[in-house]
């Protein structure tokens, strides 16, 4: 009987990364549901919080 083909290390690493990402996402969703984290959705699908919009400098400051 032939032996099974071994998975490459790269494939195993990709699968593990996807699994860990899913687990982190599930934990994050559970924390939000429990009220542990504020909801911050900046619309681009990233996990990073939205950056504050820059305030405009007074007109007199840049016109000299």
Protein backbone atom coordinates (compact mmCIF):
# COMPACT_ATOMS: atom_id res chain seq x y z
CA UNK A 1 0.00 0.00 0.00
CA UNK A 2 1.32 3.47 -0.88
CA UNK A 3 2.08 5.98 1.85
CA UNK A 4 0.14 9.24 2.05
CA UNK A 5 1.81 12.30 0.58
CA UNK A 6 3.29 14.53 3.21
CA UNK A 7 2.00 18.09 3.41
CA UNK A 8 4.51 20.78 2.73
CA UNK A 9 5.54 23.00 5.59
CA UNK A 10 4.20 26.05 3.77
CA UNK A 11 0.75 24.54 3.34
CA UNK A 12 0.63 23.52 6.99
CA UNK A 13 1.70 27.02 8.04
CA UNK A 14 -1.02 28.61 5.89
CA UNK A 15 -3.68 26.33 7.33
CA UNK A 16 -2.53 27.05 10.86
CA UNK A 17 -2.53 30.83 10.21
CA UNK A 18 -6.10 30.68 8.88
CA UNK A 19 -7.23 28.62 11.86
CA UNK A 20 -5.63 31.05 14.32
CA UNK A 21 -7.16 34.03 12.54
CA UNK A 22 -10.61 32.46 12.78
CA UNK A 23 -10.10 31.78 16.48
CA UNK A 24 -9.01 35.39 17.12
CA UNK A 25 -12.01 36.69 15.21
CA UNK A 26 -14.39 34.45 17.15
CA UNK A 27 -12.86 35.56 20.46
CA UNK A 28 -13.17 39.20 19.39
CA UNK A 29 -16.83 38.72 18.49
CA UNK A 30 -17.48 37.02 21.83
CA UNK A 31 -15.80 39.89 23.70
CA UNK A 32 -17.92 42.44 21.85
CA UNK A 33 -21.06 40.49 22.61
CA UNK A 34 -20.08 40.42 26.29
CA UNK A 35 -19.42 44.17 26.24
CA UNK A 36 -15.68 43.81 26.78
CA UNK A 37 -14.63 45.79 23.71
CA UNK A 38 -16.15 48.90 22.13
CA UNK A 39 -17.34 48.42 18.59
CA UNK A 40 -15.03 50.22 16.18
CA UNK A 41 -15.86 49.63 12.56
CA UNK A 42 -13.94 51.87 10.21
CA UNK A 43 -15.48 50.29 7.12
CA UNK A 44 -12.33 48.98 5.46
CA UNK A 45 -12.45 45.53 7.06
CA UNK A 46 -9.19 45.87 8.96
CA UNK A 47 -8.70 45.19 12.65
CA UNK A 48 -7.01 48.55 13.18
CA UNK A 49 -8.96 51.37 14.82
CA UNK A 50 -9.94 54.28 12.64
CA UNK A 51 -7.50 57.17 12.67
CA UNK A 52 -8.71 60.53 13.84
CA UNK A 53 -9.37 62.99 11.07
CA UNK A 54 -6.86 65.83 10.99
CA UNK A 55 -8.17 69.17 12.07
CA UNK A 56 -7.81 72.13 9.75
CA UNK A 57 -5.20 74.73 10.65
CA UNK A 58 -6.42 78.31 11.02
CA UNK A 59 -6.26 80.21 7.75
CA UNK A 60 -4.00 82.92 9.19
CA UNK A 61 -1.37 80.35 10.11
CA UNK A 62 -0.64 79.16 6.56
CA UNK A 63 -1.14 82.50 4.83
CA UNK A 64 1.87 84.67 5.64
